[in-house]
Amino acid sequence: MASFNRVILIGNLVRDIEVRHTTNTKLAVCQNAIAVNDRRKNAAGDWVDETSFIDLTFFGRTAELVGQFLTKGSPIFVDGRLKQDTWEKDGQKRSKIHV
């Protein structure tokens, strides 16, 4: 069966952008997070806001443009793919999904 890995998010940047460059290839890289808000009614009929935070990684020219034009709180549209990192800390397996 075929698989498809694509995600589209619209939200706001959580932190100011910090662009770094790799040591050997001088490729621009920046990491940040996006806050995506969802609003729905609960069982009592009250509106409840739920915020999800998703980590982002930008490479190359995209990283340079993000660093040049966006700051904390800027609205952003992200089109990318999901990637899961796993590691072990203090004997517990941990994982994180980022775009």
C-alpha atoms as a PDB file:
ATOM      1  CA  MET A   1       0.000   0.000   0.000  1.00  0.00           C
ATOM      2  CA  ALA A   2       1.244   3.474  -0.830  1.00  0.00           C
ATOM      3  CA  SER A   3       1.905   6.052   1.865  1.00  0.00           C
ATOM      4  CA  PHE A   4       1.697   9.823   1.857  1.00  0.00           C
ATOM      5  CA  ASN A   5       3.394  12.095   4.404  1.00  0.00           C
ATOM      6  CA  ARG A   6       2.277  15.711   4.167  1.00  0.00           C
ATOM      7  CA  VAL A   7       0.975  18.200   6.699  1.00  0.00           C
ATOM      8  CA  ILE A   8      -0.336  21.752   6.332  1.00  0.00           C
ATOM      9  CA  LEU A   9      -0.454  24.012   9.404  1.00  0.00           C
ATOM     10  CA  ILE A  10      -1.490  27.607   9.990  1.00  0.00           C
ATOM     11  CA  GLY A  11      -0.574  29.237  13.293  1.00  0.00           C
ATOM     12  CA  ASN A  12       1.830  31.615  15.014  1.00  0.00           C
ATOM     13  CA  LEU A  13       5.550  31.319  15.719  1.00  0.00           C
ATOM     14  CA  VAL A  14       6.369  30.625  19.350  1.00  0.00           C
ATOM     15  CA  ARG A  15       9.884  32.129  19.526  1.00  0.00           C
ATOM     16  CA  ASP A  16      12.095  34.553  17.623  1.00  0.00           C
ATOM     17  CA  ILE A  17      13.984  32.951  14.746  1.00  0.00           C
ATOM     18  CA  GLU A  18      17.645  32.046  15.192  1.00  0.00           C
ATOM     19  CA  VAL A  19      19.342  30.982  11.941  1.00  0.00           C
ATOM     20  CA  ARG A  20      22.439  28.797  12.210  1.00  0.00           C
ATOM     21  CA  HIS A  21      24.717  27.326   9.566  1.00  0.00           C
ATOM     22  CA  THR A  22      26.123  23.808   9.395  1.00  0.00           C
ATOM     23  CA  THR A  23      29.883  23.565   9.811  1.00  0.00           C
ATOM     24  CA  ASN A  24      30.925  21.721   6.669  1.00  0.00           C
ATOM     25  CA  THR A  25      28.289  22.680   4.060  1.00  0.00           C
ATOM     26  CA  LYS A  26      27.302  26.131   5.417  1.00  0.00           C
ATOM     27  CA  LEU A  27      23.626  25.188   4.960  1.00  0.00           C
ATOM     28  CA  ALA A  28      21.250  27.528   6.799  1.00  0.00           C
ATOM     29  CA  VAL A  29      19.096  25.797   9.442  1.00  0.00           C
ATOM     30  CA  CYS A  30      16.604  27.170  11.942  1.00  0.00           C
ATOM     31  CA  GLN A  31      14.343  25.473  14.444  1.00  0.00           C
ATOM     32  CA  ASN A  32      11.226  26.925  15.998  1.00  0.00           C
ATOM     33  CA  ALA A  33       7.695  25.908  16.936  1.00  0.00           C
ATOM     34  CA  ILE A  34       4.222  26.831  15.789  1.00  0.00           C
ATOM     35  CA  ALA A  35       1.189  27.310  18.029  1.00  0.00           C
ATOM     36  CA  VAL A  36      -2.023  26.066  16.409  1.00  0.00           C
ATOM     37  CA  ASN A  37      -5.278  27.016  18.130  1.00  0.00           C
ATOM     38  CA  ASP A  38      -8.498  25.022  18.038  1.00  0.00           C
ATOM     39  CA  ARG A  39     -11.779  26.291  19.479  1.00  0.00           C
ATOM     40  CA  ARG A  40     -14.743  24.050  20.233  1.00  0.00           C
ATOM     41  CA  LYS A  41     -17.686  23.708  22.562  1.00  0.00           C
ATOM     42  CA  ASN A  42     -17.438  21.374  25.548  1.00  0.00           C
ATOM     43  CA  ALA A  43     -20.271  19.278  26.999  1.00  0.00           C
ATOM     44  CA  ALA A  44     -21.538  22.267  29.018  1.00  0.00           C
ATOM     45  CA  GLY A  45     -21.794  24.392  25.872  1.00  0.00           C
ATOM     46  CA  ASP A  46     -18.891  26.681  26.762  1.00  0.00           C
ATOM     47  CA  TRP A  47     -16.223  27.579  24.217  1.00  0.00           C
ATOM     48  CA  VAL A  48     -12.843  26.038  25.049  1.00  0.00           C
ATOM     49  CA  ASP A  49      -9.552  26.978  23.377  1.00  0.00           C
ATOM     50  CA  GLU A  50      -7.001  24.221  22.885  1.00  0.00           C
ATOM     51  CA  THR A  51      -3.474  25.059  21.724  1.00  0.00           C
ATOM     52  CA  SER A  52      -1.103  22.537  20.145  1.00  0.00           C
ATOM     53  CA  PHE A  53       2.631  23.224  19.806  1.00  0.00           C
ATOM     54  CA  ILE A  54       4.470  21.577  16.904  1.00  0.00           C
ATOM     55  CA  ASP A  55       8.226  21.847  16.374  1.00  0.00           C
ATOM     56  CA  LEU A  56       9.447  23.090  12.976  1.00  0.00           C
ATOM     57  CA  THR A  57      12.766  22.832  11.159  1.00  0.00           C
ATOM     58  CA  PHE A  58      13.640  24.950   8.107  1.00  0.00           C
ATOM     59  CA  PHE A  59      16.607  24.382   5.771  1.00  0.00           C
ATOM     60  CA  GLY A  60      18.476  26.344   3.121  1.00  0.00           C
ATOM     61  CA  ARG A  61      16.952  29.404   1.501  1.00  0.00           C
ATOM     62  CA  THR A  62      13.674  28.860   3.364  1.00  0.00           C
ATOM     63  CA  ALA A  63      15.526  29.142   6.693  1.00  0.00           C
ATOM     64  CA  GLU A  64      17.165  32.379   5.557  1.00  0.00           C
ATOM     65  CA  LEU A  65      13.835  33.905   4.476  1.00  0.00           C
ATOM     66  CA  VAL A  66      12.071  32.859   7.686  1.00  0.00           C
ATOM     67  CA  GLY A  67      14.890  34.431   9.716  1.00  0.00           C
ATOM     68  CA  GLN A  68      14.734  37.619   7.672  1.00  0.00           C
ATOM     69  CA  PHE A  69      10.969  38.256   7.677  1.00  0.00           C
ATOM     70  CA  LEU A  70       9.368  36.505  10.674  1.00  0.00           C
ATOM     71  CA  THR A  71       9.484  37.104  14.432  1.00  0.00           C
ATOM     72  CA  LYS A  72       7.764  35.727  17.524  1.00  0.00           C
ATOM     73  CA  GLY A  73       3.985  35.784  17.091  1.00  0.00           C
ATOM     74  CA  SER A  74       4.097  36.110  13.303  1.00  0.00           C
ATOM     75  CA  PRO A  75       1.347  34.206  11.496  1.00  0.00           C
ATOM     76  CA  ILE A  76       2.797  31.411   9.381  1.00  0.00           C
ATOM     77  CA  PHE A  77       1.551  28.836   6.868  1.00  0.00           C
ATOM     78  CA  VAL A  78       3.653  25.657   6.888  1.00  0.00           C
ATOM     79  CA  ASP A  79       3.590  22.875   4.306  1.00  0.00           C
ATOM     80  CA  GLY A  80       5.903  19.971   5.095  1.00  0.00           C
ATOM     81  CA  ARG A  81       6.232  16.382   6.228  1.00  0.00           C
ATOM     82  CA  LEU A  82       6.048  14.763   9.641  1.00  0.00           C
ATOM     83  CA  LYS A  83       9.165  13.218  11.151  1.00  0.00           C
ATOM     84  CA  GLN A  84       9.393  11.375  14.453  1.00  0.00           C
ATOM     85  CA  ASP A  85      12.536  11.462  16.593  1.00  0.00           C
ATOM     86  CA  THR A  86      12.979   8.873  19.340  1.00  0.00           C
ATOM     87  CA  TRP A  87      15.542   8.764  22.161  1.00  0.00           C
ATOM     88  CA  GLU A  88      16.015   7.349  25.618  1.00  0.00           C
ATOM     89  CA  LYS A  89      16.440   9.485  28.739  1.00  0.00           C
ATOM     90  CA  ASP A  90      16.728   8.176  32.289  1.00  0.00           C
ATOM     91  CA  GLY A  91      15.685   4.707  31.122  1.00  0.00           C
ATOM     92  CA  GLN A  92      12.467   5.969  29.512  1.00  0.00           C
ATOM     93  CA  LYS A  93      11.851   5.963  25.791  1.00  0.00           C
ATOM     94  CA  ARG A  94      10.749   9.349  24.491  1.00  0.00           C
ATOM     95  CA  SER A  95       9.606  10.592  21.108  1.00  0.00           C
ATOM     96  CA  LYS A  96       8.708  13.866  19.447  1.00  0.00           C
ATOM     97  CA  ILE A  97       7.038  14.677  16.139  1.00  0.00           C
ATOM     98  CA  HIS A  98       8.146  17.684  14.138  1.00  0.00           C
ATOM     99  CA  VAL A  99       7.599  19.141  10.686  1.00  0.00           C
END
